[in-house]
Amino acid sequence: MIEMLSYAMLITGTIIFIILISGFKAAYGRYSGQSHILIPLIPAKWAWFIQELPSLYIPLSYLIFGIIDLPLINAFILILFCLHYINRSLIYPFLIKQGTGIPVHIFSLAFLFCTINGYMQGKWHSCNNVVYNESLMNTLFCFIGTSIFIIGMIINITSDSILRNLRKDGKSNYKIPYGGLFEYISGANFFGECVEWIGYALLARTLPAFAFAFFTLCNLAPRAHYHHRWYHKKFENYPKNRKAFIPFVI
C-alpha cells in the first residue's frame, strides 16, 4: 500500500512539475487574485495550521506508541520529520501576518497530501521493519543527511522570518527581501525546504522519503521561478545578480 502511494507521489510530482513549468501558477499568496473564478478563501493562518497538522500528529502517534520497540535511528528519522511540522503547523501559522486567504480547493488538496504523507512516513519508518545496521556507511549517511536537514531547516526558518519582517508595519504591500540567502536567490524559503527534505531522504534512504523529497522539489522549484519573474516585473531596482532557486546556478 505505502509503496503504491510512494510511486503515485512520484508520478503526481512529475505531472505537477510539467503543469507548473508550462505556465500554470497555483492561485494562492501573491497569485490568488489571478483567478477569474470566485472561490471561497480560508484565513491563511488557520489554513496552514489545519492543513499541515496531519503531517505532525499521524507520525507523532506512530512514534509515541511505538517508541519502546523502535530502533534509535527509526525514531530519530520520525523525530526530524515531526520537528519540521511542529514549526510548520504550530508555530509558523501564528507568526505570519494575515494577508490573502488560501482558496478552499488548495487547502483541501494540501490537507489530503499532508494526511497521506504523514501516514506514509510514520507507518513506513515505524512498522515496516526498516532496519539500519551500524555500518560505517550508514553512520556516514546519518551524519550527512541530518546535517543537510538541519541546514535546510535553518535556511527555511530564517527566510520565513525575513519575509515576515517585511510586513511588520502591518502593511500588505510586497517589498524586496534582503538578507540571508535572499542575497543570492529569490526563493530562499523554497530552497531551504527542499534542502531539508533532500537531507531527510539521504538519512532515511527509503522510497517514501525519496518520493516526498522529489514531490516537494517538483512543487517548489517552479514556484521559486515564478516568484523570481514576479519580483523582476514588479520592482525595477530588483537585484539583477540574484538567481531564482539555486545560488549562482538558476
C-alpha atoms as a PDB file:
ATOM      1  CA  MET A   1       0.000   0.000   0.000  1.00  0.00           C
ATOM      2  CA  ILE A   2       2.679   2.519   1.004  1.00  0.00           C
ATOM      3  CA  GLU A   3       4.847   1.534  -1.963  1.00  0.00           C
ATOM      4  CA  MET A   4       1.903   2.241  -4.267  1.00  0.00           C
ATOM      5  CA  LEU A   5       1.331   5.615  -2.592  1.00  0.00           C
ATOM      6  CA  SER A   6       5.031   6.424  -2.968  1.00  0.00           C
ATOM      7  CA  TYR A   7       5.036   5.629  -6.683  1.00  0.00           C
ATOM      8  CA  ALA A   8       1.822   7.622  -7.057  1.00  0.00           C
ATOM      9  CA  MET A   9       3.559  10.564  -5.358  1.00  0.00           C
ATOM     10  CA  LEU A  10       6.492  10.302  -7.764  1.00  0.00           C
ATOM     11  CA  ILE A  11       4.172  10.245 -10.775  1.00  0.00           C
ATOM     12  CA  THR A  12       1.992  13.054  -9.415  1.00  0.00           C
ATOM     13  CA  GLY A  13       5.045  15.180  -8.666  1.00  0.00           C
ATOM     14  CA  THR A  14       6.262  14.750 -12.247  1.00  0.00           C
ATOM     15  CA  ILE A  15       2.859  15.715 -13.668  1.00  0.00           C
ATOM     16  CA  ILE A  16       2.600  18.746 -11.379  1.00  0.00           C
ATOM     17  CA  PHE A  17       6.101  19.869 -12.385  1.00  0.00           C
ATOM     18  CA  ILE A  18       5.191  19.684 -16.076  1.00  0.00           C
ATOM     19  CA  ILE A  19       1.968  21.630 -15.459  1.00  0.00           C
ATOM     20  CA  LEU A  20       3.739  24.290 -13.405  1.00  0.00           C
ATOM     21  CA  ILE A  21       6.602  24.881 -15.830  1.00  0.00           C
ATOM     22  CA  SER A  22       4.067  25.198 -18.657  1.00  0.00           C
ATOM     23  CA  GLY A  23       2.828  28.442 -17.099  1.00  0.00           C
ATOM     24  CA  PHE A  24       0.201  27.460 -14.517  1.00  0.00           C
ATOM     25  CA  LYS A  25       0.585  29.096 -11.102  1.00  0.00           C
ATOM     26  CA  ALA A  26      -1.216  27.787  -8.005  1.00  0.00           C
ATOM     27  CA  ALA A  27      -3.670  30.564  -7.071  1.00  0.00           C
ATOM     28  CA  TYR A  28      -2.617  31.381  -3.524  1.00  0.00           C
ATOM     29  CA  GLY A  29      -0.447  34.078  -2.000  1.00  0.00           C
ATOM     30  CA  ARG A  30       0.564  36.765  -4.476  1.00  0.00           C
ATOM     31  CA  TYR A  31      -1.155  34.875  -7.309  1.00  0.00           C
ATOM     32  CA  SER A  32      -4.551  34.477  -5.635  1.00  0.00           C
ATOM     33  CA  GLY A  33      -6.064  37.449  -7.462  1.00  0.00           C
ATOM     34  CA  GLN A  34      -5.277  35.989 -10.889  1.00  0.00           C
ATOM     35  CA  SER A  35      -8.173  33.529 -10.887  1.00  0.00           C
ATOM     36  CA  HIS A  36     -11.352  34.674 -12.644  1.00  0.00           C
ATOM     37  CA  ILE A  37     -13.467  32.223 -10.640  1.00  0.00           C
ATOM     38  CA  LEU A  38     -14.898  33.301  -7.295  1.00  0.00           C
ATOM     39  CA  ILE A  39     -13.529  30.753  -4.821  1.00  0.00           C
ATOM     40  CA  PRO A  40     -14.055  30.850  -1.030  1.00  0.00           C
ATOM     41  CA  LEU A  41     -10.916  31.739   0.919  1.00  0.00           C
ATOM     42  CA  ILE A  42      -9.805  30.390   4.293  1.00  0.00           C
ATOM     43  CA  PRO A  43      -7.805  32.723   6.578  1.00  0.00           C
ATOM     44  CA  ALA A  44      -4.147  31.930   5.918  1.00  0.00           C
ATOM     45  CA  LYS A  45      -3.046  31.153   9.471  1.00  0.00           C
ATOM     46  CA  TRP A  46      -5.922  28.740  10.106  1.00  0.00           C
ATOM     47  CA  ALA A  47      -5.481  27.101   6.712  1.00  0.00           C
ATOM     48  CA  TRP A  48      -1.768  26.499   7.366  1.00  0.00           C
ATOM     49  CA  PHE A  49      -2.462  25.232  10.887  1.00  0.00           C
ATOM     50  CA  ILE A  50      -5.160  22.749   9.881  1.00  0.00           C
ATOM     51  CA  GLN A  51      -3.733  21.520   6.581  1.00  0.00           C
ATOM     52  CA  GLU A  52      -0.258  20.792   7.972  1.00  0.00           C
ATOM     53  CA  LEU A  53      -1.412  19.215  11.242  1.00  0.00           C
ATOM     54  CA  PRO A  54      -1.892  15.629   9.924  1.00  0.00           C
ATOM     55  CA  SER A  55       1.798  15.511   8.999  1.00  0.00           C
ATOM     56  CA  LEU A  56       2.543  16.112  12.674  1.00  0.00           C
ATOM     57  CA  TYR A  57       0.034  14.090  14.662  1.00  0.00           C
ATOM     58  CA  ILE A  58      -0.001  10.957  12.457  1.00  0.00           C
ATOM     59  CA  PRO A  59       3.768  10.217  12.536  1.00  0.00           C
ATOM     60  CA  LEU A  60       3.926  11.520  16.112  1.00  0.00           C
ATOM     61  CA  SER A  61       1.328   8.902  17.072  1.00  0.00           C
ATOM     62  CA  TYR A  62       3.425   6.155  15.474  1.00  0.00           C
ATOM     63  CA  LEU A  63       6.472   7.493  17.304  1.00  0.00           C
ATOM     64  CA  ILE A  64       4.814   7.734  20.730  1.00  0.00           C
ATOM     65  CA  PHE A  65       3.042   4.372  20.645  1.00  0.00           C
ATOM     66  CA  GLY A  66       6.000   2.516  19.136  1.00  0.00           C
ATOM     67  CA  ILE A  67       8.865   4.233  20.928  1.00  0.00           C
ATOM     68  CA  ILE A  68       9.636   1.206  23.125  1.00  0.00           C
ATOM     69  CA  ASP A  69      10.180  -1.116  20.166  1.00  0.00           C
ATOM     70  CA  LEU A  70      11.569   1.378  17.656  1.00  0.00           C
ATOM     71  CA  PRO A  71      15.291   1.242  16.849  1.00  0.00           C
ATOM     72  CA  LEU A  72      17.040   4.510  17.650  1.00  0.00           C
ATOM     73  CA  ILE A  73      17.633   5.514  14.019  1.00  0.00           C
ATOM     74  CA  ASN A  74      13.981   4.900  13.085  1.00  0.00           C
ATOM     75  CA  ALA A  75      12.822   7.041  15.989  1.00  0.00           C
ATOM     76  CA  PHE A  76      15.349   9.721  15.025  1.00  0.00           C
ATOM     77  CA  ILE A  77      14.019   9.837  11.447  1.00  0.00           C
ATOM     78  CA  LEU A  78      10.480  10.405  12.716  1.00  0.00           C
ATOM     79  CA  ILE A  79      11.658  12.985  15.254  1.00  0.00           C
ATOM     80  CA  LEU A  80      13.264  15.073  12.496  1.00  0.00           C
ATOM     81  CA  PHE A  81      10.136  14.783  10.358  1.00  0.00           C
ATOM     82  CA  CYS A  82       7.936  15.878  13.263  1.00  0.00           C
ATOM     83  CA  LEU A  83      10.350  18.680  14.123  1.00  0.00           C
ATOM     84  CA  HIS A  84       9.674  20.324  10.771  1.00  0.00           C
ATOM     85  CA  TYR A  85       5.922  20.044  11.207  1.00  0.00           C
ATOM     86  CA  ILE A  86       5.976  21.375  14.756  1.00  0.00           C
ATOM     87  CA  ASN A  87       7.267  24.558  13.180  1.00  0.00           C
ATOM     88  CA  ARG A  88       5.055  24.394  10.088  1.00  0.00           C
ATOM     89  CA  SER A  89       1.763  23.625  11.841  1.00  0.00           C
ATOM     90  CA  LEU A  90       2.091  25.008  15.386  1.00  0.00           C
ATOM     91  CA  ILE A  91       4.500  27.952  15.091  1.00  0.00           C
ATOM     92  CA  TYR A  92       4.646  29.306  11.532  1.00  0.00           C
ATOM     93  CA  PRO A  93       0.870  29.848  11.064  1.00  0.00           C
ATOM     94  CA  PHE A  94       0.598  32.063  14.129  1.00  0.00           C
ATOM     95  CA  LEU A  95       3.596  34.206  13.217  1.00  0.00           C
ATOM     96  CA  ILE A  96       2.537  35.125   9.690  1.00  0.00           C
ATOM     97  CA  LYS A  97       0.722  38.370   9.036  1.00  0.00           C
ATOM     98  CA  GLN A  98      -2.888  37.936   7.971  1.00  0.00           C
ATOM     99  CA  GLY A  99      -2.772  38.542   4.223  1.00  0.00           C
ATOM    100  CA  THR A 100      -4.658  36.966   1.367  1.00  0.00           C
ATOM    101  CA  GLY A 101      -6.512  33.803   2.343  1.00  0.00           C
ATOM    102  CA  ILE A 102      -5.943  30.374   0.829  1.00  0.00           C
ATOM    103  CA  PRO A 103      -8.553  29.083  -1.673  1.00  0.00           C
ATOM    104  CA  VAL A 104     -10.577  26.226  -0.255  1.00  0.00           C
ATOM    105  CA  HIS A 105      -9.562  23.797  -3.025  1.00  0.00           C
ATOM    106  CA  ILE A 106      -5.838  24.485  -2.422  1.00  0.00           C
ATOM    107  CA  PHE A 107      -6.406  23.977   1.309  1.00  0.00           C
ATOM    108  CA  SER A 108      -8.276  20.699   0.696  1.00  0.00           C
ATOM    109  CA  LEU A 109      -5.551  19.304  -1.561  1.00  0.00           C
ATOM    110  CA  ALA A 110      -2.848  20.319   0.931  1.00  0.00           C
ATOM    111  CA  PHE A 111      -4.760  18.684   3.800  1.00  0.00           C
ATOM    112  CA  LEU A 112      -5.167  15.480   1.763  1.00  0.00           C
ATOM    113  CA  PHE A 113      -1.488  15.439   0.843  1.00  0.00           C
ATOM    114  CA  CYS A 114      -0.341  16.014   4.436  1.00  0.00           C
ATOM    115  CA  THR A 115      -2.635  13.233   5.651  1.00  0.00           C
ATOM    116  CA  ILE A 116      -1.332  10.741   3.088  1.00  0.00           C
ATOM    117  CA  ASN A 117       2.301  11.753   3.519  1.00  0.00           C
ATOM    118  CA  GLY A 118       2.078  11.741   7.314  1.00  0.00           C
ATOM    119  CA  TYR A 119       0.721   8.191   7.129  1.00  0.00           C
ATOM    120  CA  MET A 120       3.390   7.114   4.625  1.00  0.00           C
ATOM    121  CA  GLN A 121       6.343   8.434   6.600  1.00  0.00           C
ATOM    122  CA  GLY A 122       5.015   7.399  10.010  1.00  0.00           C
ATOM    123  CA  LYS A 123       3.898   3.913   9.037  1.00  0.00           C
ATOM    124  CA  TRP A 124       6.900   3.006   6.889  1.00  0.00           C
ATOM    125  CA  HIS A 125       9.589   4.125   9.289  1.00  0.00           C
ATOM    126  CA  SER A 126       7.934   2.645  12.378  1.00  0.00           C
ATOM    127  CA  CYS A 127       6.121  -0.505  11.274  1.00  0.00           C
ATOM    128  CA  ASN A 128       7.697  -1.735   8.046  1.00  0.00           C
ATOM    129  CA  ASN A 129      10.777  -3.304   9.584  1.00  0.00           C
ATOM    130  CA  VAL A 130      13.165  -0.772   8.050  1.00  0.00           C
ATOM    131  CA  VAL A 131      16.434  -1.964   9.572  1.00  0.00           C
ATOM    132  CA  TYR A 132      19.599   0.132   9.619  1.00  0.00           C
ATOM    133  CA  ASN A 133      22.738  -1.746  10.644  1.00  0.00           C
ATOM    134  CA  GLU A 134      25.557   0.076  12.406  1.00  0.00           C
ATOM    135  CA  SER A 135      27.949   0.104   9.454  1.00  0.00           C
ATOM    136  CA  LEU A 136      30.292   2.974   8.639  1.00  0.00           C
ATOM    137  CA  MET A 137      28.256   3.750   5.504  1.00  0.00           C
ATOM    138  CA  ASN A 138      25.001   4.023   7.451  1.00  0.00           C
ATOM    139  CA  THR A 139      26.685   6.224  10.056  1.00  0.00           C
ATOM    140  CA  LEU A 140      28.012   8.454   7.272  1.00  0.00           C
ATOM    141  CA  PHE A 141      24.597   8.758   5.617  1.00  0.00           C
ATOM    142  CA  CYS A 142      23.058   9.521   9.007  1.00  0.00           C
ATOM    143  CA  PHE A 143      25.548  12.322   9.677  1.00  0.00           C
ATOM    144  CA  ILE A 144      25.351  13.835   6.177  1.00  0.00           C
ATOM    145  CA  GLY A 145      21.561  13.566   5.927  1.00  0.00           C
ATOM    146  CA  THR A 146      20.987  15.055   9.374  1.00  0.00           C
ATOM    147  CA  SER A 147      23.429  17.900   8.709  1.00  0.00           C
ATOM    148  CA  ILE A 148      21.762  18.768   5.404  1.00  0.00           C
ATOM    149  CA  PHE A 149      18.318  18.609   7.027  1.00  0.00           C
ATOM    150  CA  ILE A 150      19.337  20.982   9.835  1.00  0.00           C
ATOM    151  CA  ILE A 151      20.999  23.409   7.406  1.00  0.00           C
ATOM    152  CA  GLY A 152      17.866  23.390   5.243  1.00  0.00           C
ATOM    153  CA  MET A 153      15.600  23.967   8.226  1.00  0.00           C
ATOM    154  CA  ILE A 154      17.710  26.917   9.400  1.00  0.00           C
ATOM    155  CA  ILE A 155      17.577  28.426   5.892  1.00  0.00           C
ATOM    156  CA  ASN A 156      13.823  27.864   5.706  1.00  0.00           C
ATOM    157  CA  ILE A 157      13.006  29.359   9.117  1.00  0.00           C
ATOM    158  CA  THR A 158      15.411  32.289   8.646  1.00  0.00           C
ATOM    159  CA  SER A 159      13.950  33.058   5.217  1.00  0.00           C
ATOM    160  CA  ASP A 160      10.384  32.904   6.547  1.00  0.00           C
ATOM    161  CA  SER A 161      11.407  35.345   9.274  1.00  0.00           C
ATOM    162  CA  ILE A 162      12.879  37.772   6.728  1.00  0.00           C
ATOM    163  CA  LEU A 163       9.665  37.675   4.692  1.00  0.00           C
ATOM    164  CA  ARG A 164       7.532  38.229   7.803  1.00  0.00           C
ATOM    165  CA  ASN A 165       9.589  41.218   8.869  1.00  0.00           C
ATOM    166  CA  LEU A 166       8.869  42.897   5.544  1.00  0.00           C
ATOM    167  CA  ARG A 167       5.302  43.280   6.821  1.00  0.00           C
ATOM    168  CA  LYS A 168       5.958  44.096  10.459  1.00  0.00           C
ATOM    169  CA  ASP A 169       4.461  47.566   9.917  1.00  0.00           C
ATOM    170  CA  GLY A 170       1.116  45.858   9.245  1.00  0.00           C
ATOM    171  CA  LYS A 171       1.011  46.786   5.560  1.00  0.00           C
ATOM    172  CA  SER A 172       0.305  44.129   2.953  1.00  0.00           C
ATOM    173  CA  ASN A 173       2.418  45.682   0.181  1.00  0.00           C
ATOM    174  CA  TYR A 174       5.199  43.473  -1.149  1.00  0.00           C
ATOM    175  CA  LYS A 175       8.824  44.540  -0.744  1.00  0.00           C
ATOM    176  CA  ILE A 176      12.176  43.257  -1.913  1.00  0.00           C
ATOM    177  CA  PRO A 177      13.621  40.793   0.631  1.00  0.00           C
ATOM    178  CA  TYR A 178      17.243  41.232   1.687  1.00  0.00           C
ATOM    179  CA  GLY A 179      19.461  39.168   3.958  1.00  0.00           C
ATOM    180  CA  GLY A 180      20.337  35.502   4.250  1.00  0.00           C
ATOM    181  CA  LEU A 181      20.100  33.535   1.021  1.00  0.00           C
ATOM    182  CA  PHE A 182      17.777  36.193  -0.391  1.00  0.00           C
ATOM    183  CA  GLU A 183      21.007  37.987  -1.330  1.00  0.00           C
ATOM    184  CA  TYR A 184      21.560  35.199  -3.861  1.00  0.00           C
ATOM    185  CA  ILE A 185      18.150  33.744  -4.770  1.00  0.00           C
ATOM    186  CA  SER A 186      14.530  34.877  -4.887  1.00  0.00           C
ATOM    187  CA  GLY A 187      13.125  31.643  -3.468  1.00  0.00           C
ATOM    188  CA  ALA A 188      15.315  31.220  -0.391  1.00  0.00           C
ATOM    189  CA  ASN A 189      12.445  29.815   1.691  1.00  0.00           C
ATOM    190  CA  PHE A 190      11.610  27.248  -1.003  1.00  0.00           C
ATOM    191  CA  PHE A 191      15.261  26.301  -1.427  1.00  0.00           C
ATOM    192  CA  GLY A 192      15.628  25.762   2.325  1.00  0.00           C
ATOM    193  CA  GLU A 193      12.632  23.454   2.496  1.00  0.00           C
ATOM    194  CA  CYS A 194      13.848  21.393  -0.462  1.00  0.00           C
ATOM    195  CA  VAL A 195      17.282  21.070   1.158  1.00  0.00           C
ATOM    196  CA  GLU A 196      15.561  19.858   4.337  1.00  0.00           C
ATOM    197  CA  TRP A 197      13.773  17.020   2.600  1.00  0.00           C
ATOM    198  CA  ILE A 198      16.770  16.035   0.499  1.00  0.00           C
ATOM    199  CA  GLY A 199      18.663  15.643   3.781  1.00  0.00           C
ATOM    200  CA  TYR A 200      15.755  13.661   5.205  1.00  0.00           C
ATOM    201  CA  ALA A 201      15.778  11.356   2.162  1.00  0.00           C
ATOM    202  CA  LEU A 202      19.535  10.787   2.498  1.00  0.00           C
ATOM    203  CA  LEU A 203      19.100   9.986   6.181  1.00  0.00           C
ATOM    204  CA  ALA A 204      16.175   7.598   5.711  1.00  0.00           C
ATOM    205  CA  ARG A 205      17.048   6.154   2.276  1.00  0.00           C
ATOM    206  CA  THR A 206      13.547   4.767   1.807  1.00  0.00           C
ATOM    207  CA  LEU A 207      11.079   5.025  -1.056  1.00  0.00           C
ATOM    208  CA  PRO A 208       8.536   7.177   0.862  1.00  0.00           C
ATOM    209  CA  ALA A 209      11.254   9.623   1.964  1.00  0.00           C
ATOM    210  CA  PHE A 210      12.638   9.923  -1.565  1.00  0.00           C
ATOM    211  CA  ALA A 211       9.140  10.326  -3.041  1.00  0.00           C
ATOM    212  CA  PHE A 212       8.364  13.158  -0.615  1.00  0.00           C
ATOM    213  CA  ALA A 213      11.640  14.979  -1.346  1.00  0.00           C
ATOM    214  CA  PHE A 214      11.026  14.633  -5.086  1.00  0.00           C
ATOM    215  CA  PHE A 215       7.415  15.840  -4.810  1.00  0.00           C
ATOM    216  CA  THR A 216       8.496  18.870  -2.759  1.00  0.00           C
ATOM    217  CA  LEU A 217      11.143  19.784  -5.328  1.00  0.00           C
ATOM    218  CA  CYS A 218       8.646  19.460  -8.191  1.00  0.00           C
ATOM    219  CA  ASN A 219       6.259  21.851  -6.408  1.00  0.00           C
ATOM    220  CA  LEU A 220       8.600  24.471  -5.008  1.00  0.00           C
ATOM    221  CA  ALA A 221      11.242  24.880  -7.723  1.00  0.00           C
ATOM    222  CA  PRO A 222       8.723  26.200 -10.308  1.00  0.00           C
ATOM    223  CA  ARG A 223       7.143  28.475  -7.689  1.00  0.00           C
ATOM    224  CA  ALA A 224      10.559  29.965  -6.944  1.00  0.00           C
ATOM    225  CA  HIS A 225      10.954  30.589 -10.674  1.00  0.00           C
ATOM    226  CA  TYR A 226       7.618  32.435 -10.861  1.00  0.00           C
ATOM    227  CA  HIS A 227       8.444  34.457  -7.755  1.00  0.00           C
ATOM    228  CA  HIS A 228      11.715  35.461  -9.420  1.00  0.00           C
ATOM    229  CA  ARG A 229       9.929  36.633 -12.569  1.00  0.00           C
ATOM    230  CA  TRP A 230       7.282  38.411 -10.484  1.00  0.00           C
ATOM    231  CA  TYR A 231       9.910  40.346  -8.497  1.00  0.00           C
ATOM    232  CA  HIS A 232      11.627  41.495 -11.685  1.00  0.00           C
ATOM    233  CA  LYS A 233       8.339  42.707 -13.162  1.00  0.00           C
ATOM    234  CA  LYS A 234       7.203  44.496 -10.006  1.00  0.00           C
ATOM    235  CA  PHE A 235      10.472  46.131  -8.957  1.00  0.00           C
ATOM    236  CA  GLU A 236      12.669  47.954 -11.456  1.00  0.00           C
ATOM    237  CA  ASN A 237      15.508  48.015  -8.935  1.00  0.00           C
ATOM    238  CA  TYR A 238      15.365  44.283  -8.181  1.00  0.00           C
ATOM    239  CA  PRO A 239      18.941  42.914  -7.895  1.00  0.00           C
ATOM    240  CA  LYS A 240      19.987  41.631 -11.317  1.00  0.00           C
ATOM    241  CA  ASN A 241      22.545  39.179  -9.957  1.00  0.00           C
ATOM    242  CA  ARG A 242      20.026  37.106  -7.979  1.00  0.00           C
ATOM    243  CA  LYS A 243      19.097  33.685  -9.279  1.00  0.00           C
ATOM    244  CA  ALA A 244      15.679  32.099  -8.824  1.00  0.00           C
ATOM    245  CA  PHE A 245      16.227  28.901  -6.855  1.00  0.00           C
ATOM    246  CA  ILE A 246      19.840  27.707  -6.602  1.00  0.00           C
ATOM    247  CA  PRO A 247      22.581  30.225  -5.706  1.00  0.00           C
ATOM    248  CA  PHE A 248      24.841  31.093  -8.675  1.00  0.00           C
ATOM    249  CA  VAL A 249      23.115  28.466 -10.870  1.00  0.00           C
ATOM    250  CA  ILE A 250      19.429  29.016 -11.767  1.00  0.00           C
END
